[in-house]
Amino acid sequence: DDEALLARFTERKLPSSLYARSIDPTGETVLGLIEADPM
């Protein structure tokens, strides 16, 4: 789940947008991970 992923990225101080773009370069299916990137 995006919410759980974002919490783990925040804990590890890692950007979620780079992970999201590696899944979908267009960003359409991972928009939540891009817009809520903790970093």
PDB file of all heavy atoms in Angstrom:
ATOM      1  N   ASP A   1       0.838  -1.199   0.000  1.00  0.00           N
ATOM      2  CA  ASP A   1       0.000   0.000   0.000  1.00  0.00           C
ATOM      3  C   ASP A   1       0.878   1.256   0.000  1.00  0.00           C
ATOM      4  O   ASP A   1       1.917   1.312   0.677  1.00  0.00           O
ATOM      5  CB  ASP A   1      -0.893  -0.032   1.247  1.00  0.00           C
ATOM      6  CG  ASP A   1      -1.730   1.200   1.381  1.00  0.00           C
ATOM      7  OD1 ASP A   1      -2.699   1.345   0.624  1.00  0.00           O
ATOM      8  OD2 ASP A   1      -1.405   2.041   2.257  1.00  0.00           O
ATOM      9  N   ASP A   2       0.452   2.281  -0.754  1.00  0.00           N
ATOM     10  CA  ASP A   2       1.244   3.513  -0.870  1.00  0.00           C
ATOM     11  C   ASP A   2       1.516   4.146   0.487  1.00  0.00           C
ATOM     12  O   ASP A   2       2.636   4.633   0.749  1.00  0.00           O
ATOM     13  CB  ASP A   2       0.518   4.528  -1.767  1.00  0.00           C
ATOM     14  CG  ASP A   2       0.657   4.202  -3.249  1.00  0.00           C
ATOM     15  OD1 ASP A   2       1.335   3.202  -3.573  1.00  0.00           O
ATOM     16  OD2 ASP A   2       0.093   4.946  -4.080  1.00  0.00           O
ATOM     17  N   GLU A   3       0.522   4.162   1.349  1.00  0.00           N
ATOM     18  CA  GLU A   3       0.694   4.793   2.659  1.00  0.00           C
ATOM     19  C   GLU A   3       1.775   4.082   3.473  1.00  0.00           C
ATOM     20  O   GLU A   3       2.625   4.730   4.100  1.00  0.00           O
ATOM     21  CB  GLU A   3      -0.637   4.788   3.406  1.00  0.00           C
ATOM     22  CG  GLU A   3      -0.601   5.549   4.723  1.00  0.00           C
ATOM     23  CD  GLU A   3      -1.958   5.599   5.402  1.00  0.00           C
ATOM     24  OE1 GLU A   3      -2.972   5.298   4.732  1.00  0.00           O
ATOM     25  OE2 GLU A   3      -2.001   5.942   6.594  1.00  0.00           O
ATOM     26  N   ALA A   4       1.741   2.748   3.443  1.00  0.00           N
ATOM     27  CA  ALA A   4       2.757   1.988   4.169  1.00  0.00           C
ATOM     28  C   ALA A   4       4.138   2.193   3.554  1.00  0.00           C
ATOM     29  O   ALA A   4       5.142   2.321   4.266  1.00  0.00           O
ATOM     30  CB  ALA A   4       2.385   0.508   4.166  1.00  0.00           C
ATOM     31  N   LEU A   5       4.193   2.220   2.230  1.00  0.00           N
ATOM     32  CA  LEU A   5       5.475   2.450   1.549  1.00  0.00           C
ATOM     33  C   LEU A   5       6.052   3.826   1.902  1.00  0.00           C
ATOM     34  O   LEU A   5       7.248   3.960   2.201  1.00  0.00           O
ATOM     35  CB  LEU A   5       5.282   2.342   0.039  1.00  0.00           C
ATOM     36  CG  LEU A   5       5.570   0.985  -0.611  1.00  0.00           C
ATOM     37  CD1 LEU A   5       5.167   1.023  -2.072  1.00  0.00           C
ATOM     38  CD2 LEU A   5       7.020   0.587  -0.464  1.00  0.00           C
ATOM     39  N   LEU A   6       5.199   4.835   1.873  1.00  0.00           N
ATOM     40  CA  LEU A   6       5.672   6.188   2.175  1.00  0.00           C
ATOM     41  C   LEU A   6       6.190   6.281   3.607  1.00  0.00           C
ATOM     42  O   LEU A   6       7.183   6.974   3.871  1.00  0.00           O
ATOM     43  CB  LEU A   6       4.531   7.189   1.946  1.00  0.00           C
ATOM     44  CG  LEU A   6       4.174   7.436   0.469  1.00  0.00           C
ATOM     45  CD1 LEU A   6       2.859   8.195   0.345  1.00  0.00           C
ATOM     46  CD2 LEU A   6       5.297   8.214  -0.227  1.00  0.00           C
ATOM     47  N   ALA A   7       5.539   5.569   4.525  1.00  0.00           N
ATOM     48  CA  ALA A   7       6.017   5.564   5.917  1.00  0.00           C
ATOM     49  C   ALA A   7       7.397   4.927   6.002  1.00  0.00           C
ATOM     50  O   ALA A   7       8.280   5.417   6.746  1.00  0.00           O
ATOM     51  CB  ALA A   7       5.020   4.814   6.798  1.00  0.00           C
ATOM     52  N   ARG A   8       7.622   3.839   5.250  1.00  0.00           N
ATOM     53  CA  ARG A   8       8.920   3.188   5.284  1.00  0.00           C
ATOM     54  C   ARG A   8       9.995   4.066   4.616  1.00  0.00           C
ATOM     55  O   ARG A   8      11.122   4.148   5.104  1.00  0.00           O
ATOM     56  CB  ARG A   8       8.840   1.829   4.591  1.00  0.00           C
ATOM     57  CG  ARG A   8      10.126   1.008   4.676  1.00  0.00           C
ATOM     58  CD  ARG A   8      10.461   0.646   6.129  1.00  0.00           C
ATOM     59  NE  ARG A   8       9.456  -0.206   6.723  1.00  0.00           N
ATOM     60  CZ  ARG A   8       9.475  -1.546   6.657  1.00  0.00           C
ATOM     61  NH1 ARG A   8      10.468  -2.150   6.014  1.00  0.00           N
ATOM     62  NH2 ARG A   8       8.528  -2.249   7.235  1.00  0.00           N
ATOM     63  N   PHE A   9       9.669   4.736   3.525  1.00  0.00           N
ATOM     64  CA  PHE A   9      10.614   5.644   2.867  1.00  0.00           C
ATOM     65  C   PHE A   9      10.975   6.810   3.796  1.00  0.00           C
ATOM     66  O   PHE A   9      12.128   7.238   3.857  1.00  0.00           O
ATOM     67  CB  PHE A   9      10.042   6.171   1.556  1.00  0.00           C
ATOM     68  CG  PHE A   9      10.241   5.244   0.388  1.00  0.00           C
ATOM     69  CD1 PHE A   9       9.224   4.415  -0.057  1.00  0.00           C
ATOM     70  CD2 PHE A   9      11.463   5.197  -0.263  1.00  0.00           C
ATOM     71  CE1 PHE A   9       9.410   3.559  -1.131  1.00  0.00           C
ATOM     72  CE2 PHE A   9      11.665   4.342  -1.346  1.00  0.00           C
ATOM     73  CZ  PHE A   9      10.642   3.521  -1.780  1.00  0.00           C
ATOM     74  N   THR A  10       9.969   7.296   4.521  1.00  0.00           N
ATOM     75  CA  THR A  10      10.225   8.382   5.470  1.00  0.00           C
ATOM     76  C   THR A  10      11.157   7.919   6.574  1.00  0.00           C
ATOM     77  O   THR A  10      12.092   8.633   6.968  1.00  0.00           O
ATOM     78  CB  THR A  10       8.894   8.873   6.072  1.00  0.00           C
ATOM     79  OG1 THR A  10       8.024   9.306   5.023  1.00  0.00           O
ATOM     80  CG2 THR A  10       9.123  10.016   7.043  1.00  0.00           C
ATOM     81  N   GLU A  11      10.917   6.717   7.079  1.00  0.00           N
ATOM     82  CA  GLU A  11      11.755   6.161   8.142  1.00  0.00           C
ATOM     83  C   GLU A  11      13.200   6.001   7.687  1.00  0.00           C
ATOM     84  O   GLU A  11      14.142   6.268   8.456  1.00  0.00           O
ATOM     85  CB  GLU A  11      11.173   4.805   8.568  1.00  0.00           C
ATOM     86  CG  GLU A  11      11.943   4.110   9.661  1.00  0.00           C
ATOM     87  CD  GLU A  11      11.403   2.715   9.914  1.00  0.00           C
ATOM     88  OE1 GLU A  11      10.241   2.439   9.532  1.00  0.00           O
ATOM     89  OE2 GLU A  11      12.135   1.890  10.492  1.00  0.00           O
ATOM     90  N   ARG A  12      13.392   5.587   6.433  1.00  0.00           N
ATOM     91  CA  ARG A  12      14.746   5.363   5.922  1.00  0.00           C
ATOM     92  C   ARG A  12      15.334   6.621   5.261  1.00  0.00           C
ATOM     93  O   ARG A  12      16.451   6.587   4.778  1.00  0.00           O
ATOM     94  CB  ARG A  12      14.727   4.221   4.897  1.00  0.00           C
ATOM     95  CG  ARG A  12      14.417   2.848   5.487  1.00  0.00           C
ATOM     96  CD  ARG A  12      15.562   2.366   6.380  1.00  0.00           C
ATOM     97  NE  ARG A  12      15.405   0.967   6.725  1.00  0.00           N
ATOM     98  CZ  ARG A  12      14.763   0.514   7.784  1.00  0.00           C
ATOM     99  NH1 ARG A  12      14.201   1.378   8.627  1.00  0.00           N
ATOM    100  NH2 ARG A  12      14.691  -0.784   8.029  1.00  0.00           N
ATOM    101  N   LYS A  13      14.545   7.690   5.253  1.00  0.00           N
ATOM    102  CA  LYS A  13      14.985   8.950   4.647  1.00  0.00           C
ATOM    103  C   LYS A  13      15.403   8.754   3.188  1.00  0.00           C
ATOM    104  O   LYS A  13      16.464   9.193   2.738  1.00  0.00           O
ATOM    105  CB  LYS A  13      16.127   9.575   5.452  1.00  0.00           C
ATOM    106  CG  LYS A  13      15.717  10.030   6.844  1.00  0.00           C
ATOM    107  CD  LYS A  13      16.856  10.692   7.584  1.00  0.00           C
ATOM    108  CE  LYS A  13      16.400  11.324   8.885  1.00  0.00           C
ATOM    109  NZ  LYS A  13      15.686  10.404   9.789  1.00  0.00           N
ATOM    110  N   LEU A  14      14.514   8.108   2.446  1.00  0.00           N
ATOM    111  CA  LEU A  14      14.746   7.844   1.026  1.00  0.00           C
ATOM    112  C   LEU A  14      13.631   8.480   0.201  1.00  0.00           C
ATOM    113  O   LEU A  14      12.455   8.490   0.619  1.00  0.00           O
ATOM    114  CB  LEU A  14      14.758   6.337   0.749  1.00  0.00           C
ATOM    115  CG  LEU A  14      15.945   5.531   1.278  1.00  0.00           C
ATOM    116  CD1 LEU A  14      15.704   4.050   1.046  1.00  0.00           C
ATOM    117  CD2 LEU A  14      17.233   5.977   0.604  1.00  0.00           C
ATOM    118  N   PRO A  15      13.951   8.958  -0.977  1.00  0.00           N
ATOM    119  CA  PRO A  15      12.906   9.511  -1.851  1.00  0.00           C
ATOM    120  C   PRO A  15      12.094   8.388  -2.488  1.00  0.00           C
ATOM    121  O   PRO A  15      12.647   7.398  -2.955  1.00  0.00           O
ATOM    122  CB  PRO A  15      13.693  10.297  -2.900  1.00  0.00           C
ATOM    123  CG  PRO A  15      15.027   9.621  -2.945  1.00  0.00           C
ATOM    124  CD  PRO A  15      15.299   9.138  -1.555  1.00  0.00           C
ATOM    125  N   SER A  16      10.782   8.539  -2.487  1.00  0.00           N
ATOM    126  CA  SER A  16       9.913   7.515  -3.083  1.00  0.00           C
ATOM    127  C   SER A  16       9.717   7.728  -4.574  1.00  0.00           C
ATOM    128  O   SER A  16       9.331   6.802  -5.298  1.00  0.00           O
ATOM    129  CB  SER A  16       8.554   7.498  -2.374  1.00  0.00           C
ATOM    130  OG  SER A  16       7.921   8.771  -2.505  1.00  0.00           O
ATOM    131  N   SER A  17       9.977   8.939  -5.070  1.00  0.00           N
ATOM    132  CA  SER A  17       9.696   9.230  -6.478  1.00  0.00           C
ATOM    133  C   SER A  17      10.637   8.467  -7.412  1.00  0.00           C
ATOM    134  O   SER A  17      10.205   8.036  -8.498  1.00  0.00           O
ATOM    135  CB  SER A  17       9.797  10.734  -6.730  1.00  0.00           C
ATOM    136  OG  SER A  17      11.072  11.221  -6.323  1.00  0.00           O
ATOM    137  N   LEU A  18      11.885   8.280  -7.017  1.00  0.00           N
ATOM    138  CA  LEU A  18      12.801   7.533  -7.876  1.00  0.00           C
ATOM    139  C   LEU A  18      12.365   6.073  -8.007  1.00  0.00           C
ATOM    140  O   LEU A  18      12.426   5.482  -9.088  1.00  0.00           O
ATOM    141  CB  LEU A  18      14.226   7.616  -7.322  1.00  0.00           C
ATOM    142  CG  LEU A  18      14.868   9.004  -7.344  1.00  0.00           C
ATOM    143  CD1 LEU A  18      16.245   8.955  -6.709  1.00  0.00           C
ATOM    144  CD2 LEU A  18      14.953   9.536  -8.767  1.00  0.00           C
ATOM    145  N   TYR A  19      11.913   5.489  -6.903  1.00  0.00           N
ATOM    146  CA  TYR A  19      11.367   4.120  -6.935  1.00  0.00           C
ATOM    147  C   TYR A  19      10.123   4.083  -7.819  1.00  0.00           C
ATOM    148  O   TYR A  19       9.956   3.195  -8.660  1.00  0.00           O
ATOM    149  CB  TYR A  19      11.043   3.669  -5.510  1.00  0.00           C
ATOM    150  CG  TYR A  19      10.093   2.503  -5.411  1.00  0.00           C
ATOM    151  CD1 TYR A  19      10.487   1.215  -5.734  1.00  0.00           C
ATOM    152  CD2 TYR A  19       8.771   2.694  -4.987  1.00  0.00           C
ATOM    153  CE1 TYR A  19       9.605   0.140  -5.640  1.00  0.00           C
ATOM    154  CE2 TYR A  19       7.889   1.635  -4.885  1.00  0.00           C
ATOM    155  CZ  TYR A  19       8.306   0.366  -5.209  1.00  0.00           C
ATOM    156  OH  TYR A  19       7.439  -0.692  -5.112  1.00  0.00           O
ATOM    157  N   ALA A  20       9.252   5.069  -7.660  1.00  0.00           N
ATOM    158  CA  ALA A  20       8.012   5.100  -8.435  1.00  0.00           C
ATOM    159  C   ALA A  20       8.298   5.206  -9.928  1.00  0.00           C
ATOM    160  O   ALA A  20       7.678   4.519 -10.748  1.00  0.00           O
ATOM    161  CB  ALA A  20       7.148   6.270  -7.968  1.00  0.00           C
ATOM    162  N   ARG A  21       9.259   6.055 -10.322  1.00  0.00           N
ATOM    163  CA  ARG A  21       9.578   6.232 -11.732  1.00  0.00           C
ATOM    164  C   ARG A  21      10.198   4.966 -12.336  1.00  0.00           C
ATOM    165  O   ARG A  21      10.033   4.706 -13.535  1.00  0.00           O
ATOM    166  CB  ARG A  21      10.547   7.396 -11.898  1.00  0.00           C
ATOM    167  CG  ARG A  21       9.982   8.758 -11.554  1.00  0.00           C
ATOM    168  CD  ARG A  21       8.995   9.245 -12.577  1.00  0.00           C
ATOM    169  NE  ARG A  21       8.539  10.603 -12.277  1.00  0.00           N
ATOM    170  CZ  ARG A  21       7.600  11.232 -12.955  1.00  0.00           C
ATOM    171  NH1 ARG A  21       6.998  10.636 -13.978  1.00  0.00           N
ATOM    172  NH2 ARG A  21       7.238  12.454 -12.635  1.00  0.00           N
ATOM    173  N   SER A  22      10.881   4.180 -11.511  1.00  0.00           N
ATOM    174  CA  SER A  22      11.450   2.929 -12.036  1.00  0.00           C
ATOM    175  C   SER A  22      10.368   1.897 -12.314  1.00  0.00           C
ATOM    176  O   SER A  22      10.567   0.979 -13.104  1.00  0.00           O
ATOM    177  CB  SER A  22      12.469   2.365 -11.031  1.00  0.00           C
ATOM    178  OG  SER A  22      11.833   1.849  -9.882  1.00  0.00           O
ATOM    179  N   ILE A  23       9.213   2.046 -11.681  1.00  0.00           N
ATOM    180  CA  ILE A  23       8.083   1.149 -11.933  1.00  0.00           C
ATOM    181  C   ILE A  23       7.298   1.622 -13.152  1.00  0.00           C
ATOM    182  O   ILE A  23       6.936   0.844 -14.026  1.00  0.00           O
ATOM    183  CB  ILE A  23       7.157   1.079 -10.695  1.00  0.00           C
ATOM    184  CG1 ILE A  23       7.894   0.469  -9.511  1.00  0.00           C
ATOM    185  CG2 ILE A  23       5.899   0.278 -11.001  1.00  0.00           C
ATOM    186  CD1 ILE A  23       7.110   0.508  -8.219  1.00  0.00           C
ATOM    187  N   ASP A  24       7.019   2.923 -13.196  1.00  0.00           N
ATOM    188  CA  ASP A  24       6.228   3.508 -14.287  1.00  0.00           C
ATOM    189  C   ASP A  24       6.841   4.858 -14.640  1.00  0.00           C
ATOM    190  O   ASP A  24       6.602   5.857 -13.946  1.00  0.00           O
ATOM    191  CB  ASP A  24       4.772   3.673 -13.848  1.00  0.00           C
ATOM    192  CG  ASP A  24       3.891   4.261 -14.940  1.00  0.00           C
ATOM    193  OD1 ASP A  24       4.406   4.497 -16.060  1.00  0.00           O
ATOM    194  OD2 ASP A  24       2.706   4.502 -14.668  1.00  0.00           O
ATOM    195  N   PRO A  25       7.642   4.917 -15.697  1.00  0.00           N
ATOM    196  CA  PRO A  25       8.290   6.184 -16.076  1.00  0.00           C
ATOM    197  C   PRO A  25       7.298   7.314 -16.338  1.00  0.00           C
ATOM    198  O   PRO A  25       7.627   8.493 -16.166  1.00  0.00           O
ATOM    199  CB  PRO A  25       9.060   5.826 -17.349  1.00  0.00           C
ATOM    200  CG  PRO A  25       9.297   4.348 -17.234  1.00  0.00           C
ATOM    201  CD  PRO A  25       8.088   3.803 -16.546  1.00  0.00           C
ATOM    202  N   THR A  26       6.054   6.980 -16.742  1.00  0.00           N
ATOM    203  CA  THR A  26       5.062   8.036 -16.997  1.00  0.00           C
ATOM    204  C   THR A  26       4.523   8.620 -15.699  1.00  0.00           C
ATOM    205  O   THR A  26       4.006   9.748 -15.688  1.00  0.00           O
ATOM    206  CB  THR A  26       3.886   7.474 -17.809  1.00  0.00           C
ATOM    207  OG1 THR A  26       3.136   6.547 -17.006  1.00  0.00           O
ATOM    208  CG2 THR A  26       4.378   6.775 -19.069  1.00  0.00           C
ATOM    209  N   GLY A  27       4.589   7.860 -14.621  1.00  0.00           N
ATOM    210  CA  GLY A  27       4.106   8.326 -13.323  1.00  0.00           C
ATOM    211  C   GLY A  27       2.620   8.198 -13.125  1.00  0.00           C
ATOM    212  O   GLY A  27       2.097   8.497 -12.041  1.00  0.00           O
ATOM    213  N   GLU A  28       1.885   7.725 -14.122  1.00  0.00           N
ATOM    214  CA  GLU A  28       0.421   7.700 -14.030  1.00  0.00           C
ATOM    215  C   GLU A  28      -0.080   6.738 -12.954  1.00  0.00           C
ATOM    216  O   GLU A  28      -1.030   7.053 -12.233  1.00  0.00           O
ATOM    217  CB  GLU A  28      -0.174   7.323 -15.393  1.00  0.00           C
ATOM    218  CG  GLU A  28       0.056   8.366 -16.475  1.00  0.00           C
ATOM    219  CD  GLU A  28      -0.555   7.948 -17.798  1.00  0.00           C
ATOM    220  OE1 GLU A  28      -1.202   6.881 -17.833  1.00  0.00           O
ATOM    221  OE2 GLU A  28      -0.395   8.684 -18.789  1.00  0.00           O
ATOM    222  N   THR A  29       0.525   5.555 -12.856  1.00  0.00           N
ATOM    223  CA  THR A  29       0.024   4.547 -11.904  1.00  0.00           C
ATOM    224  C   THR A  29       0.666   4.676 -10.524  1.00  0.00           C
ATOM    225  O   THR A  29       0.298   3.942  -9.612  1.00  0.00           O
ATOM    226  CB  THR A  29       0.296   3.132 -12.460  1.00  0.00           C
ATOM    227  OG1 THR A  29       1.708   2.949 -12.618  1.00  0.00           O
ATOM    228  CG2 THR A  29      -0.400   2.932 -13.780  1.00  0.00           C
ATOM    229  N   VAL A  30       1.632   5.588 -10.390  1.00  0.00           N
ATOM    230  CA  VAL A  30       2.342   5.730  -9.104  1.00  0.00           C
ATOM    231  C   VAL A  30       2.332   7.191  -8.652  1.00  0.00           C
ATOM    232  O   VAL A  30       3.242   7.643  -7.955  1.00  0.00           O
ATOM    233  CB  VAL A  30       3.797   5.214  -9.232  1.00  0.00           C
ATOM    234  CG1 VAL A  30       3.820   3.700  -9.322  1.00  0.00           C
ATOM    235  CG2 VAL A  30       4.496   5.845 -10.427  1.00  0.00           C
ATOM    236  N   LEU A  31       1.297   7.906  -9.056  1.00  0.00           N
ATOM    237  CA  LEU A  31       1.246   9.344  -8.785  1.00  0.00           C
ATOM    238  C   LEU A  31       1.299   9.649  -7.291  1.00  0.00           C
ATOM    239  O   LEU A  31       1.923  10.637  -6.863  1.00  0.00           O
ATOM    240  CB  LEU A  31      -0.028   9.934  -9.404  1.00  0.00           C
ATOM    241  CG  LEU A  31      -0.095  11.463  -9.510  1.00  0.00           C
ATOM    242  CD1 LEU A  31       1.068  11.984 -10.348  1.00  0.00           C
ATOM    243  CD2 LEU A  31      -1.434  11.891 -10.107  1.00  0.00           C
ATOM    244  N   GLY A  32       0.672   8.796  -6.492  1.00  0.00           N
ATOM    245  CA  GLY A  32       0.665   9.026  -5.043  1.00  0.00           C
ATOM    246  C   GLY A  32       2.056   8.992  -4.450  1.00  0.00           C
ATOM    247  O   GLY A  32       2.378   9.779  -3.543  1.00  0.00           O
ATOM    248  N   LEU A  33       2.902   8.078  -4.934  1.00  0.00           N
ATOM    249  CA  LEU A  33       4.268   7.970  -4.420  1.00  0.00           C
ATOM    250  C   LEU A  33       5.133   9.147  -4.881  1.00  0.00           C
ATOM    251  O   LEU A  33       6.094   9.529  -4.196  1.00  0.00           O
ATOM    252  CB  LEU A  33       4.890   6.651  -4.894  1.00  0.00           C
ATOM    253  CG  LEU A  33       4.283   5.370  -4.334  1.00  0.00           C
ATOM    254  CD1 LEU A  33       4.914   4.151  -4.994  1.00  0.00           C
ATOM    255  CD2 LEU A  33       4.450   5.303  -2.820  1.00  0.00           C
ATOM    256  N   ILE A  34       4.783   9.720  -6.022  1.00  0.00           N
ATOM    257  CA  ILE A  34       5.553  10.855  -6.536  1.00  0.00           C
ATOM    258  C   ILE A  34       5.157  12.142  -5.809  1.00  0.00           C
ATOM    259  O   ILE A  34       6.008  12.910  -5.340  1.00  0.00           O
ATOM    260  CB  ILE A  34       5.341  11.004  -8.054  1.00  0.00           C
ATOM    261  CG1 ILE A  34       5.924   9.793  -8.792  1.00  0.00           C
ATOM    262  CG2 ILE A  34       5.981  12.296  -8.568  1.00  0.00           C
ATOM    263  CD1 ILE A  34       5.616   9.764 -10.273  1.00  0.00           C
ATOM    264  N   GLU A  35       3.859  12.376  -5.703  1.00  0.00           N
ATOM    265  CA  GLU A  35       3.393  13.631  -5.101  1.00  0.00           C
ATOM    266  C   GLU A  35       3.662  13.693  -3.599  1.00  0.00           C
ATOM    267  O   GLU A  35       3.871  14.774  -3.049  1.00  0.00           O
ATOM    268  CB  GLU A  35       1.901  13.809  -5.374  1.00  0.00           C
ATOM    269  CG  GLU A  35       1.575  14.043  -6.845  1.00  0.00           C
ATOM    270  CD  GLU A  35       0.101  14.284  -7.076  1.00  0.00           C
ATOM    271  OE1 GLU A  35      -0.688  13.935  -6.175  1.00  0.00           O
ATOM    272  OE2 GLU A  35      -0.248  14.803  -8.158  1.00  0.00           O
ATOM    273  N   ALA A  36       3.628  12.521  -2.926  1.00  0.00           N
ATOM    274  CA  ALA A  36       3.829  12.510  -1.465  1.00  0.00           C
ATOM    275  C   ALA A  36       5.248  12.115  -1.084  1.00  0.00           C
ATOM    276  O   ALA A  36       5.486  11.684   0.048  1.00  0.00           O
ATOM    277  CB  ALA A  36       2.819  11.561  -0.826  1.00  0.00           C
ATOM    278  N   ASP A  37       6.199  12.274  -2.000  1.00  0.00           N
ATOM    279  CA  ASP A  37       7.601  11.916  -1.726  1.00  0.00           C
ATOM    280  C   ASP A  37       8.084  12.615  -0.459  1.00  0.00           C
ATOM    281  O   ASP A  37       8.093  13.858  -0.382  1.00  0.00           O
ATOM    282  CB  ASP A  37       8.456  12.339  -2.926  1.00  0.00           C
ATOM    283  CG  ASP A  37       9.897  11.849  -2.807  1.00  0.00           C
ATOM    284  OD1 ASP A  37      10.339  11.521  -1.697  1.00  0.00           O
ATOM    285  OD2 ASP A  37      10.576  11.790  -3.855  1.00  0.00           O
ATOM    286  N   PRO A  38       8.480  11.854   0.572  1.00  0.00           N
ATOM    287  CA  PRO A  38       8.892  12.486   1.838  1.00  0.00           C
ATOM    288  C   PRO A  38      10.167  13.327   1.712  1.00  0.00           C
ATOM    289  O   PRO A  38      10.421  14.176   2.562  1.00  0.00           O
ATOM    290  CB  PRO A  38       9.099  11.293   2.774  1.00  0.00           C
ATOM    291  CG  PRO A  38       9.363  10.133   1.882  1.00  0.00           C
ATOM    292  CD  PRO A  38       8.557  10.390   0.645  1.00  0.00           C
ATOM    293  N   MET A  39      10.959  13.068   0.697  1.00  0.00           N
ATOM    294  CA  MET A  39      12.201  13.822   0.501  1.00  0.00           C
ATOM    295  C   MET A  39      12.061  14.893  -0.590  1.00  0.00           C
ATOM    296  O   MET A  39      13.051  15.451  -1.060  1.00  0.00           O
ATOM    297  CB  MET A  39      13.336  12.857   0.117  1.00  0.00           C
ATOM    298  CG  MET A  39      13.637  11.797   1.147  1.00  0.00           C
ATOM    299  SD  MET A  39      14.359  12.467   2.671  1.00  0.00           S
ATOM    300  CE  MET A  39      12.981  12.282   3.820  1.00  0.00           C
TER     301      MET A  39
END
